[in-house]
Protein backbone atom coordinates (compact mmCIF):
# COMPACT_ATOMS: atom_id res chain seq x y z
CA MET A 1 0.00 0.00 0.00
CA ILE A 2 1.19 3.51 -0.84
CA ARG A 3 1.14 6.01 2.02
CA ILE A 4 0.46 9.64 1.15
CA PRO A 5 1.48 12.20 3.79
CA PHE A 6 -1.01 15.09 3.91
CA TYR A 7 0.25 18.11 5.85
CA TYR A 8 -2.33 20.49 7.28
CA ASP A 9 -3.07 23.14 9.89
CA TYR A 10 -6.59 23.89 11.15
CA ALA A 11 -5.74 27.55 10.52
CA CYS A 12 -6.01 27.06 6.74
CA PRO A 13 -9.43 26.88 5.04
CA TRP A 14 -7.92 25.48 1.85
CA ALA A 15 -6.49 22.60 3.85
CA PHE A 16 -10.02 22.13 5.26
CA LEU A 17 -11.30 21.66 1.71
CA GLY A 18 -8.47 19.28 0.85
CA SER A 19 -8.87 17.32 4.07
CA ALA A 20 -12.61 16.98 3.52
CA ARG A 21 -12.19 15.38 0.10
CA VAL A 22 -8.80 13.68 -0.19
CA GLU A 23 -9.76 10.29 1.25
CA ALA A 24 -12.90 9.92 -0.85
CA TYR A 25 -11.08 11.19 -3.94
CA LEU A 26 -8.41 8.48 -3.62
CA LYS A 27 -10.68 5.77 -2.19
CA ASP A 28 -10.53 3.48 -5.23
CA LEU A 29 -6.72 3.40 -5.19
CA ASP A 30 -4.57 1.25 -2.91
CA VAL A 31 -3.36 4.21 -0.85
CA GLU A 32 -3.49 5.41 2.74
CA VAL A 33 -3.71 9.11 3.51
CA GLU A 34 -1.59 10.04 6.54
CA PHE A 35 -2.77 13.34 7.98
CA ARG A 36 0.18 15.21 9.50
CA PRO A 37 -0.48 18.25 11.72
CA VAL A 38 2.09 21.02 11.29
CA GLU A 39 2.25 24.68 12.29
CA LEU A 40 1.59 26.83 9.24
CA ALA A 41 3.05 30.01 10.75
CA THR A 42 6.40 28.25 11.16
CA LEU A 43 6.31 26.71 7.68
CA ARG A 44 6.02 30.04 5.91
CA GLU A 45 9.22 31.30 4.39
CA SER A 46 10.21 34.68 5.80
CA ALA A 47 12.27 35.43 2.69
CA ALA A 48 9.10 35.38 0.59
CA GLY A 49 8.05 38.76 2.00
CA PRO A 50 4.49 40.05 2.44
CA SER A 51 1.73 39.01 0.07
CA ALA A 52 0.91 41.46 -2.69
CA ASP A 53 -2.36 43.38 -2.37
CA LEU A 54 -5.09 42.08 -4.65
CA GLY A 55 -6.86 44.32 -7.11
CA PRO A 56 -10.68 44.44 -6.92
CA ARG A 57 -11.19 42.10 -9.89
CA LYS A 58 -8.76 39.49 -8.58
CA ARG A 59 -10.22 39.78 -5.07
CA ARG A 60 -13.73 39.15 -6.40
CA ASN A 61 -12.46 36.14 -8.33
CA GLN A 62 -10.65 34.77 -5.28
CA GLU A 63 -13.80 35.03 -3.19
CA ALA A 64 -15.85 33.34 -5.92
CA ASP A 65 -13.20 30.64 -6.34
CA PHE A 66 -13.38 29.75 -2.66
CA ARG A 67 -17.19 29.70 -2.80
CA HIS A 68 -17.09 27.43 -5.85
CA TRP A 69 -14.76 24.99 -4.11
CA CYS A 70 -16.92 24.92 -0.98
CA GLN A 71 -19.95 24.05 -3.10
CA LEU A 72 -18.02 21.36 -4.97
CA VAL A 73 -16.67 19.74 -1.81
CA GLY A 74 -19.91 20.15 0.13
CA VAL A 75 -18.64 22.14 3.10
CA GLU A 76 -19.90 25.36 4.60
CA ILE A 77 -17.86 28.28 5.86
CA HIS A 78 -19.38 30.32 8.66
CA PRO A 79 -19.45 34.08 7.95
CA ASP A 80 -17.65 34.73 11.25
CA ALA A 81 -14.89 32.17 10.64
CA VAL A 82 -12.63 34.83 9.12
CA LYS A 83 -12.74 36.77 12.40
CA LEU A 84 -10.72 33.98 14.00
CA VAL A 85 -7.84 34.22 11.53
CA GLY A 86 -4.66 34.67 13.55
CA ARG A 87 -5.92 32.70 16.55
CA SER A 88 -3.55 29.90 17.49
CA THR A 89 -4.43 26.36 16.47
CA ARG A 90 -1.42 24.81 18.24
CA LEU A 91 -3.46 23.19 21.01
CA ALA A 92 -5.81 21.57 18.51
CA LEU A 93 -2.89 20.34 16.39
CA LYS A 94 -1.29 18.75 19.46
CA ALA A 95 -4.65 17.29 20.45
CA ALA A 96 -4.78 15.66 17.01
CA TYR A 97 -1.58 13.79 17.88
CA VAL A 98 -3.14 12.68 21.17
CA ALA A 99 -6.20 11.42 19.29
CA ARG A 100 -4.01 9.61 16.77
CA ASP A 101 -2.07 7.86 19.54
CA ALA A 102 -5.40 6.73 21.00
CA GLY A 103 -6.60 5.36 17.65
CA CYS A 104 -9.39 7.89 17.14
CA PHE A 105 -7.79 10.51 14.91
CA ALA A 106 -10.65 10.82 12.39
CA ALA A 107 -13.20 11.21 15.19
CA PHE A 108 -11.28 14.28 16.38
CA HIS A 109 -9.85 15.67 13.15
CA HIS A 110 -12.91 16.14 10.96
CA PRO A 111 -15.09 17.62 13.74
CA ALA A 112 -12.19 19.95 14.67
CA TYR A 113 -11.99 21.29 11.13
CA ARG A 114 -15.77 21.71 10.97
CA ALA A 115 -15.72 23.46 14.34
CA ARG A 116 -13.11 25.95 13.15
CA TRP A 117 -14.55 26.81 9.74
CA SER A 118 -18.19 25.69 9.58
CA LEU A 119 -19.10 26.70 13.15
CA ALA A 120 -16.55 29.51 13.70
CA ARG A 121 -15.35 28.09 17.01
CA ASP A 122 -12.04 29.25 18.48
CA LEU A 123 -9.60 26.32 18.60
CA SER A 124 -7.28 28.30 20.86
CA ASP A 125 -9.92 27.89 23.58
CA PRO A 126 -9.08 24.85 25.74
CA GLY A 127 -12.79 24.37 26.43
CA VAL A 128 -13.52 23.94 22.73
CA VAL A 129 -10.66 21.47 22.28
CA ARG A 130 -11.78 19.59 25.37
CA GLU A 131 -15.28 19.19 23.87
CA LEU A 132 -13.78 17.87 20.64
CA LEU A 133 -11.63 15.36 22.53
CA ALA A 134 -14.67 14.19 24.49
CA GLY A 135 -16.64 13.89 21.26
CA ALA A 136 -13.89 11.63 19.90
CA GLY A 137 -14.44 9.28 22.83
CA LEU A 138 -11.39 10.24 24.86
CA ASP A 139 -11.02 11.04 28.54
CA ALA A 140 -11.16 14.75 27.77
CA ALA A 141 -9.38 16.06 30.86
CA ALA A 142 -6.47 13.62 30.54
CA ALA A 143 -6.21 14.08 26.77
CA LEU A 144 -6.24 17.88 27.07
CA ALA A 145 -3.50 17.72 29.71
CA ARG A 146 -1.38 15.57 27.38
CA ALA A 147 -1.95 17.96 24.49
CA GLY A 148 -0.75 20.85 26.64
CA SER A 149 2.41 19.09 27.77
CA GLU A 150 5.99 19.85 26.77
CA GLU A 151 6.14 16.42 25.11
CA PHE A 152 3.57 17.47 22.53
CA ASP A 153 5.07 20.95 22.14
CA ALA A 154 8.27 19.18 21.13
CA ARG A 155 6.41 16.75 18.88
CA LEU A 156 4.63 19.48 16.92
CA ALA A 157 7.89 21.41 16.58
CA ALA A 158 9.75 18.31 15.38
CA GLU A 159 7.06 17.38 12.84
CA THR A 160 7.02 20.93 11.52
CA ARG A 161 10.83 21.00 11.21
CA ALA A 162 10.75 17.65 9.40
CA ALA A 163 8.18 19.03 6.97
CA ILE A 164 10.32 22.10 6.29
CA GLU A 165 13.36 19.90 5.68
CA ARG A 166 11.30 17.98 3.15
CA GLY A 167 10.43 21.22 1.34
CA VAL A 168 6.97 21.98 2.71
CA PHE A 169 6.15 25.71 2.83
CA GLY A 170 2.36 25.72 3.07
CA VAL A 171 -0.74 23.58 3.48
CA PRO A 172 -2.30 21.45 2.28
CA THR A 173 0.76 19.64 0.97
CA ALA A 174 0.84 15.99 -0.08
CA PHE A 175 3.62 13.69 -1.23
CA VAL A 176 3.61 10.69 -3.52
CA GLY A 177 7.09 9.31 -3.08
CA ASP A 178 9.38 12.30 -3.58
CA GLU A 179 6.84 14.26 -5.63
CA MET A 180 5.39 17.18 -3.65
CA MET A 181 2.06 18.83 -4.45
CA TRP A 182 0.85 21.95 -2.62
CA GLY A 183 -2.73 23.14 -2.65
CA ASN A 184 -6.27 21.80 -2.53
CA ASP A 185 -6.42 22.13 -6.31
CA ARG A 186 -3.39 19.86 -6.71
CA LEU A 187 -5.16 16.71 -5.56
CA GLU A 188 -5.64 15.84 -9.22
CA LEU A 189 -1.86 15.65 -9.47
CA VAL A 190 -1.71 13.60 -6.28
CA ARG A 191 -4.13 11.14 -7.84
CA PHE A 192 -2.16 11.04 -11.11
CA TYR A 193 1.12 10.18 -9.37
CA ALA A 194 -0.59 7.79 -6.94
CA GLN A 195 -2.17 5.93 -9.85
CA ARG A 196 1.21 5.69 -11.58
CA ALA A 197 2.81 4.38 -8.40
CA VAL A 198 0.05 1.80 -7.91
CA ASN A 199 0.36 0.62 -11.51
CA ALA A 200 4.15 0.39 -11.20
CA GLY A 201 3.95 -1.55 -7.94
């Protein structure tokens, strides 16, 4: 079986779209999607400088593009979700590792993404993360304490450094072998290379 690392941060709505569709999109292939939480703010390359301001026509197109993708994927974005941009998602990312270790990653991950973007809930709030951990079937108090520990601070930092060393600079990013594809709209390329790898195997 081919394993496809899929790097994400709950801070990114485009990674929400990719996360919501990647498994179903590749379901008929002999692949396993490995969701890997990383800290987007650390991934970004400082040498790239600030983003250029968008003109009104390009801004309108960008907004429409995001709306089109949401409709295609079947997810909703809460109008207030944008107000939470800049809030830390580190606790939720570390909680995802706790959930993975306990064998209930999906039960935490997908509700966490929906909470952030479809319900506009603040994932920097320990109470919100605690609810998500409880919803995944975990002992919420113990799981939240683990997520807040130095062990998981170090784990998130190490995973993010490893991603940077591999060339990752944003999310969502997926790999098929050594081929790296960045962006929700690159899943077609992920599928192309995955199909080639499956056929070659």
